């Protein structure tokens, strides 16, 4: 199974939330949709966390970078 991108997971999560808010999910499917929403939230949170760590690492490297002077 292909890993979902953040955007794909977020869009699916939005769709589930809209369906719940509009009462478009029947009670028989509600539990499964809530579980799926939980999985999608975990995917999004994980991707955001990993991206934040990567960006902070890159910024730290840039901050500590020193230019070699030509002599």
PDB file of N, CA and C in Angstrom:
ATOM      1  N   UNK A   1       0.837  -1.189   0.000  1.00  0.00           N
ATOM      2  CA  UNK A   1       0.000   0.000   0.000  1.00  0.00           C
ATOM      3  C   UNK A   1       0.878   1.248   0.000  1.00  0.00           C
ATOM      4  N   UNK A   2       0.548   2.199  -0.849  1.00  0.00           N
ATOM      5  CA  UNK A   2       1.299   3.437  -0.989  1.00  0.00           C
ATOM      6  C   UNK A   2       1.061   4.338   0.224  1.00  0.00           C
ATOM      7  N   UNK A   3       2.153   4.949   0.703  1.00  0.00           N
ATOM      8  CA  UNK A   3       2.021   5.898   1.804  1.00  0.00           C
ATOM      9  C   UNK A   3       1.312   7.148   1.299  1.00  0.00           C
ATOM     10  N   UNK A   4       0.388   7.646   2.078  1.00  0.00           N
ATOM     11  CA  UNK A   4      -0.311   8.867   1.703  1.00  0.00           C
ATOM     12  C   UNK A   4       0.578  10.075   1.958  1.00  0.00           C
ATOM     13  N   UNK A   5       0.455  11.053   1.094  1.00  0.00           N
ATOM     14  CA  UNK A   5       1.130  12.312   1.339  1.00  0.00           C
ATOM     15  C   UNK A   5       0.335  13.068   2.396  1.00  0.00           C
ATOM     16  N   UNK A   6       0.963  14.091   2.945  1.00  0.00           N
ATOM     17  CA  UNK A   6       0.274  14.936   3.921  1.00  0.00           C
ATOM     18  C   UNK A   6      -0.999  15.513   3.296  1.00  0.00           C
ATOM     19  N   UNK A   7      -0.872  16.008   2.078  1.00  0.00           N
ATOM     20  CA  UNK A   7      -2.008  16.641   1.409  1.00  0.00           C
ATOM     21  C   UNK A   7      -3.152  15.653   1.204  1.00  0.00           C
ATOM     22  N   UNK A   8      -2.832  14.443   0.777  1.00  0.00           N
ATOM     23  CA  UNK A   8      -3.866  13.426   0.578  1.00  0.00           C
ATOM     24  C   UNK A   8      -4.567  13.090   1.894  1.00  0.00           C
ATOM     25  N   UNK A   9      -3.776  12.897   2.948  1.00  0.00           N
ATOM     26  CA  UNK A   9      -4.341  12.564   4.255  1.00  0.00           C
ATOM     27  C   UNK A   9      -5.211  13.706   4.767  1.00  0.00           C
ATOM     28  N   UNK A  10      -4.728  14.928   4.614  1.00  0.00           N
ATOM     29  CA  UNK A  10      -5.472  16.094   5.087  1.00  0.00           C
ATOM     30  C   UNK A  10      -6.789  16.249   4.336  1.00  0.00           C
ATOM     31  N   UNK A  11      -6.752  16.063   3.019  1.00  0.00           N
ATOM     32  CA  UNK A  11      -7.971  16.187   2.222  1.00  0.00           C
ATOM     33  C   UNK A  11      -8.994  15.114   2.598  1.00  0.00           C
ATOM     34  N   UNK A  12      -8.513  13.890   2.815  1.00  0.00           N
ATOM     35  CA  UNK A  12      -9.438  12.823   3.216  1.00  0.00           C
ATOM     36  C   UNK A  12     -10.028  13.130   4.587  1.00  0.00           C
ATOM     37  N   UNK A  13      -9.205  13.622   5.479  1.00  0.00           N
ATOM     38  CA  UNK A  13      -9.670  13.983   6.819  1.00  0.00           C
ATOM     39  C   UNK A  13     -10.727  15.090   6.735  1.00  0.00           C
ATOM     40  N   UNK A  14     -10.466  16.093   5.905  1.00  0.00           N
ATOM     41  CA  UNK A  14     -11.447  17.171   5.722  1.00  0.00           C
ATOM     42  C   UNK A  14     -12.781  16.624   5.216  1.00  0.00           C
ATOM     43  N   UNK A  15     -12.714  15.690   4.301  1.00  0.00           N
ATOM     44  CA  UNK A  15     -13.924  15.093   3.738  1.00  0.00           C
ATOM     45  C   UNK A  15     -14.725  14.365   4.824  1.00  0.00           C
ATOM     46  N   UNK A  16     -14.027  13.617   5.666  1.00  0.00           N
ATOM     47  CA  UNK A  16     -14.700  12.898   6.753  1.00  0.00           C
ATOM     48  C   UNK A  16     -15.358  13.889   7.714  1.00  0.00           C
ATOM     49  N   UNK A  17     -14.633  14.932   8.073  1.00  0.00           N
ATOM     50  CA  UNK A  17     -15.169  15.936   8.995  1.00  0.00           C
ATOM     51  C   UNK A  17     -16.409  16.602   8.398  1.00  0.00           C
ATOM     52  N   UNK A  18     -16.346  16.956   7.126  1.00  0.00           N
ATOM     53  CA  UNK A  18     -17.508  17.567   6.463  1.00  0.00           C
ATOM     54  C   UNK A  18     -18.701  16.626   6.469  1.00  0.00           C
ATOM     55  N   UNK A  19     -18.460  15.344   6.186  1.00  0.00           N
ATOM     56  CA  UNK A  19     -19.549  14.366   6.188  1.00  0.00           C
ATOM     57  C   UNK A  19     -20.179  14.243   7.576  1.00  0.00           C
ATOM     58  N   UNK A  20     -19.349  14.249   8.603  1.00  0.00           N
ATOM     59  CA  UNK A  20     -19.865  14.154   9.975  1.00  0.00           C
ATOM     60  C   UNK A  20     -20.658  15.416  10.312  1.00  0.00           C
ATOM     61  N   UNK A  21     -20.090  16.592   9.987  1.00  0.00           N
ATOM     62  CA  UNK A  21     -20.773  17.856  10.288  1.00  0.00           C
ATOM     63  C   UNK A  21     -22.107  17.975   9.558  1.00  0.00           C
ATOM     64  N   UNK A  22     -22.181  17.436   8.361  1.00  0.00           N
ATOM     65  CA  UNK A  22     -23.405  17.520   7.562  1.00  0.00           C
ATOM     66  C   UNK A  22     -24.333  16.326   7.776  1.00  0.00           C
ATOM     67  N   UNK A  23     -23.993  15.502   8.754  1.00  0.00           N
ATOM     68  CA  UNK A  23     -24.785  14.310   9.078  1.00  0.00           C
ATOM     69  C   UNK A  23     -24.961  13.404   7.863  1.00  0.00           C
ATOM     70  N   UNK A  24     -23.905  13.303   7.046  1.00  0.00           N
ATOM     71  CA  UNK A  24     -23.954  12.466   5.853  1.00  0.00           C
ATOM     72  C   UNK A  24     -23.421  11.056   6.103  1.00  0.00           C
ATOM     73  N   UNK A  25     -22.971  10.788   7.313  1.00  0.00           N
ATOM     74  CA  UNK A  25     -22.479   9.453   7.668  1.00  0.00           C
ATOM     75  C   UNK A  25     -23.533   8.806   8.557  1.00  0.00           C
ATOM     76  N   UNK A  26     -23.962   7.630   8.152  1.00  0.00           N
ATOM     77  CA  UNK A  26     -24.963   6.964   8.984  1.00  0.00           C
ATOM     78  C   UNK A  26     -24.271   6.366  10.216  1.00  0.00           C
ATOM     79  N   UNK A  27     -25.028   6.092  11.201  1.00  0.00           N
ATOM     80  CA  UNK A  27     -24.506   5.629  12.484  1.00  0.00           C
ATOM     81  C   UNK A  27     -23.718   4.326  12.351  1.00  0.00           C
ATOM     82  N   UNK A  28     -24.065   3.511  11.369  1.00  0.00           N
ATOM     83  CA  UNK A  28     -23.368   2.240  11.173  1.00  0.00           C
ATOM     84  C   UNK A  28     -21.933   2.451  10.687  1.00  0.00           C
ATOM     85  N   UNK A  29     -21.691   3.539   9.968  1.00  0.00           N
ATOM     86  CA  UNK A  29     -20.355   3.827   9.437  1.00  0.00           C
ATOM     87  C   UNK A  29     -19.556   4.801  10.301  1.00  0.00           C
ATOM     88  N   UNK A  30     -20.210   5.399  11.279  1.00  0.00           N
ATOM     89  CA  UNK A  30     -19.568   6.434  12.073  1.00  0.00           C
ATOM     90  C   UNK A  30     -18.306   5.945  12.778  1.00  0.00           C
ATOM     91  N   UNK A  31     -18.364   4.790  13.414  1.00  0.00           N
ATOM     92  CA  UNK A  31     -17.204   4.276  14.146  1.00  0.00           C
ATOM     93  C   UNK A  31     -16.007   4.070  13.222  1.00  0.00           C
ATOM     94  N   UNK A  32     -16.247   3.479  12.064  1.00  0.00           N
ATOM     95  CA  UNK A  32     -15.169   3.241  11.104  1.00  0.00           C
ATOM     96  C   UNK A  32     -14.582   4.562  10.610  1.00  0.00           C
ATOM     97  N   UNK A  33     -15.434   5.554  10.388  1.00  0.00           N
ATOM     98  CA  UNK A  33     -14.954   6.852   9.911  1.00  0.00           C
ATOM     99  C   UNK A  33     -14.155   7.582  10.989  1.00  0.00           C
ATOM    100  N   UNK A  34     -14.569   7.455  12.233  1.00  0.00           N
ATOM    101  CA  UNK A  34     -13.819   8.063  13.346  1.00  0.00           C
ATOM    102  C   UNK A  34     -12.449   7.394  13.471  1.00  0.00           C
ATOM    103  N   UNK A  35     -12.395   6.086  13.332  1.00  0.00           N
ATOM    104  CA  UNK A  35     -11.112   5.378  13.381  1.00  0.00           C
ATOM    105  C   UNK A  35     -10.214   5.820  12.224  1.00  0.00           C
ATOM    106  N   UNK A  36     -10.792   5.951  11.037  1.00  0.00           N
ATOM    107  CA  UNK A  36     -10.012   6.394   9.877  1.00  0.00           C
ATOM    108  C   UNK A  36      -9.513   7.819  10.099  1.00  0.00           C
ATOM    109  N   UNK A  37     -10.334   8.677  10.641  1.00  0.00           N
ATOM    110  CA  UNK A  37      -9.923  10.051  10.934  1.00  0.00           C
ATOM    111  C   UNK A  37      -8.760  10.056  11.926  1.00  0.00           C
ATOM    112  N   UNK A  38      -8.799   9.185  12.896  1.00  0.00           N
ATOM    113  CA  UNK A  38      -7.709   9.082  13.869  1.00  0.00           C
ATOM    114  C   UNK A  38      -6.406   8.670  13.186  1.00  0.00           C
ATOM    115  N   UNK A  39      -6.488   7.707  12.275  1.00  0.00           N
ATOM    116  CA  UNK A  39      -5.303   7.276  11.521  1.00  0.00           C
ATOM    117  C   UNK A  39      -4.746   8.427  10.680  1.00  0.00           C
ATOM    118  N   UNK A  40      -5.630   9.169  10.050  1.00  0.00           N
ATOM    119  CA  UNK A  40      -5.207  10.287   9.213  1.00  0.00           C
ATOM    120  C   UNK A  40      -4.558  11.393  10.040  1.00  0.00           C
ATOM    121  N   UNK A  41      -5.104  11.642  11.220  1.00  0.00           N
ATOM    122  CA  UNK A  41      -4.505  12.635  12.114  1.00  0.00           C
ATOM    123  C   UNK A  41      -3.086  12.228  12.503  1.00  0.00           C
ATOM    124  N   UNK A  42      -2.891  10.944  12.757  1.00  0.00           N
ATOM    125  CA  UNK A  42      -1.553  10.446  13.100  1.00  0.00           C
ATOM    126  C   UNK A  42      -0.587  10.634  11.933  1.00  0.00           C
ATOM    127  N   UNK A  43      -1.041  10.359  10.717  1.00  0.00           N
ATOM    128  CA  UNK A  43      -0.209  10.546   9.523  1.00  0.00           C
ATOM    129  C   UNK A  43       0.195  12.010   9.399  1.00  0.00           C
ATOM    130  N   UNK A  44      -0.780  12.908   9.525  1.00  0.00           N
ATOM    131  CA  UNK A  44      -0.503  14.346   9.399  1.00  0.00           C
ATOM    132  C   UNK A  44       0.445  14.823  10.497  1.00  0.00           C
ATOM    133  N   UNK A  45       0.186  14.409  11.719  1.00  0.00           N
ATOM    134  CA  UNK A  45       1.022  14.833  12.843  1.00  0.00           C
ATOM    135  C   UNK A  45       2.455  14.337  12.664  1.00  0.00           C
ATOM    136  N   UNK A  46       2.609  13.094  12.242  1.00  0.00           N
ATOM    137  CA  UNK A  46       3.936  12.520  12.029  1.00  0.00           C
ATOM    138  C   UNK A  46       4.698  13.278  10.944  1.00  0.00           C
ATOM    139  N   UNK A  47       4.021  13.563   9.847  1.00  0.00           N
ATOM    140  CA  UNK A  47       4.678  14.279   8.749  1.00  0.00           C
ATOM    141  C   UNK A  47       5.049  15.705   9.159  1.00  0.00           C
ATOM    142  N   UNK A  48       4.180  16.364   9.906  1.00  0.00           N
ATOM    143  CA  UNK A  48       4.495  17.716  10.389  1.00  0.00           C
ATOM    144  C   UNK A  48       5.697  17.690  11.341  1.00  0.00           C
ATOM    145  N   UNK A  49       5.730  16.712  12.228  1.00  0.00           N
ATOM    146  CA  UNK A  49       6.829  16.595  13.186  1.00  0.00           C
ATOM    147  C   UNK A  49       8.157  16.362  12.454  1.00  0.00           C
ATOM    148  N   UNK A  50       8.152  15.439  11.507  1.00  0.00           N
ATOM    149  CA  UNK A  50       9.377  15.133  10.767  1.00  0.00           C
ATOM    150  C   UNK A  50       9.841  16.330   9.929  1.00  0.00           C
ATOM    151  N   UNK A  51       8.893  17.040   9.340  1.00  0.00           N
ATOM    152  CA  UNK A  51       9.239  18.216   8.554  1.00  0.00           C
ATOM    153  C   UNK A  51       9.826  19.302   9.447  1.00  0.00           C
ATOM    154  N   UNK A  52       9.233  19.508  10.599  1.00  0.00           N
ATOM    155  CA  UNK A  52       9.747  20.511  11.531  1.00  0.00           C
ATOM    156  C   UNK A  52      11.176  20.185  11.951  1.00  0.00           C
ATOM    157  N   UNK A  53      11.434  18.939  12.296  1.00  0.00           N
ATOM    158  CA  UNK A  53      12.784  18.528  12.695  1.00  0.00           C
ATOM    159  C   UNK A  53      13.776  18.756  11.567  1.00  0.00           C
ATOM    160  N   UNK A  54      13.405  18.420  10.357  1.00  0.00           N
ATOM    161  CA  UNK A  54      14.281  18.588   9.204  1.00  0.00           C
ATOM    162  C   UNK A  54      14.580  20.062   8.940  1.00  0.00           C
ATOM    163  N   UNK A  55      13.550  20.883   9.000  1.00  0.00           N
ATOM    164  CA  UNK A  55      13.726  22.314   8.754  1.00  0.00           C
ATOM    165  C   UNK A  55      14.605  22.936   9.842  1.00  0.00           C
ATOM    166  N   UNK A  56      14.365  22.571  11.093  1.00  0.00           N
ATOM    167  CA  UNK A  56      15.186  23.103  12.181  1.00  0.00           C
ATOM    168  C   UNK A  56      16.647  22.693  12.029  1.00  0.00           C
ATOM    169  N   UNK A  57      16.877  21.463  11.601  1.00  0.00           N
ATOM    170  CA  UNK A  57      18.246  20.991  11.370  1.00  0.00           C
ATOM    171  C   UNK A  57      18.901  21.810  10.260  1.00  0.00           C
ATOM    172  N   UNK A  58      18.175  22.014   9.170  1.00  0.00           N
ATOM    173  CA  UNK A  58      18.703  22.800   8.053  1.00  0.00           C
ATOM    174  C   UNK A  58      19.003  24.232   8.477  1.00  0.00           C
ATOM    175  N   UNK A  59      18.107  24.827   9.252  1.00  0.00           N
ATOM    176  CA  UNK A  59      18.326  26.196   9.719  1.00  0.00           C
ATOM    177  C   UNK A  59      19.549  26.284  10.632  1.00  0.00           C
ATOM    178  N   UNK A  60      19.738  25.272  11.449  1.00  0.00           N
ATOM    179  CA  UNK A  60      20.904  25.251  12.338  1.00  0.00           C
ATOM    180  C   UNK A  60      22.189  25.149  11.521  1.00  0.00           C
ATOM    181  N   UNK A  61      22.174  24.343  10.472  1.00  0.00           N
ATOM    182  CA  UNK A  61      23.344  24.230   9.600  1.00  0.00           C
ATOM    183  C   UNK A  61      23.642  25.560   8.911  1.00  0.00           C
ATOM    184  N   UNK A  62      22.607  26.228   8.457  1.00  0.00           N
ATOM    185  CA  UNK A  62      22.788  27.530   7.810  1.00  0.00           C
ATOM    186  C   UNK A  62      23.343  28.541   8.808  1.00  0.00           C
ATOM    187  N   UNK A  63      22.799  28.522   9.999  1.00  0.00           N
ATOM    188  CA  UNK A  63      23.216  29.458  11.043  1.00  0.00           C
ATOM    189  C   UNK A  63      24.684  29.282  11.405  1.00  0.00           C
ATOM    190  N   UNK A  64      25.152  28.054  11.427  1.00  0.00           N
ATOM    191  CA  UNK A  64      26.532  27.789  11.840  1.00  0.00           C
ATOM    192  C   UNK A  64      27.521  27.765  10.669  1.00  0.00           C
ATOM    193  N   UNK A  65      27.030  27.987   9.460  1.00  0.00           N
ATOM    194  CA  UNK A  65      27.881  27.957   8.286  1.00  0.00           C
ATOM    195  C   UNK A  65      28.809  29.165   8.279  1.00  0.00           C
ATOM    196  N   UNK A  66      30.074  28.914   8.014  1.00  0.00           N
ATOM    197  CA  UNK A  66      31.044  29.989   7.926  1.00  0.00           C
ATOM    198  C   UNK A  66      31.646  29.993   6.529  1.00  0.00           C
ATOM    199  N   UNK A  67      31.826  31.180   6.001  1.00  0.00           N
ATOM    200  CA  UNK A  67      32.377  31.329   4.660  1.00  0.00           C
ATOM    201  C   UNK A  67      33.892  31.330   4.766  1.00  0.00           C
ATOM    202  N   UNK A  68      34.527  30.523   3.947  1.00  0.00           N
ATOM    203  CA  UNK A  68      35.989  30.510   3.896  1.00  0.00           C
ATOM    204  C   UNK A  68      36.449  31.719   3.107  1.00  0.00           C
ATOM    205  N   UNK A  69      37.326  32.489   3.715  1.00  0.00           N
ATOM    206  CA  UNK A  69      37.842  33.675   3.045  1.00  0.00           C
ATOM    207  C   UNK A  69      38.947  33.286   2.077  1.00  0.00           C
ATOM    208  N   UNK A  70      38.972  33.947   0.949  1.00  0.00           N
ATOM    209  CA  UNK A  70      40.016  33.713  -0.056  1.00  0.00           C
ATOM    210  C   UNK A  70      41.230  34.541   0.342  1.00  0.00           C
ATOM    211  N   UNK A  71      42.375  33.902   0.374  1.00  0.00           N
ATOM    212  CA  UNK A  71      43.606  34.602   0.787  1.00  0.00           C
ATOM    213  C   UNK A  71      44.494  34.828  -0.389  1.00  0.00           C
TER     214      UNK A  71
END
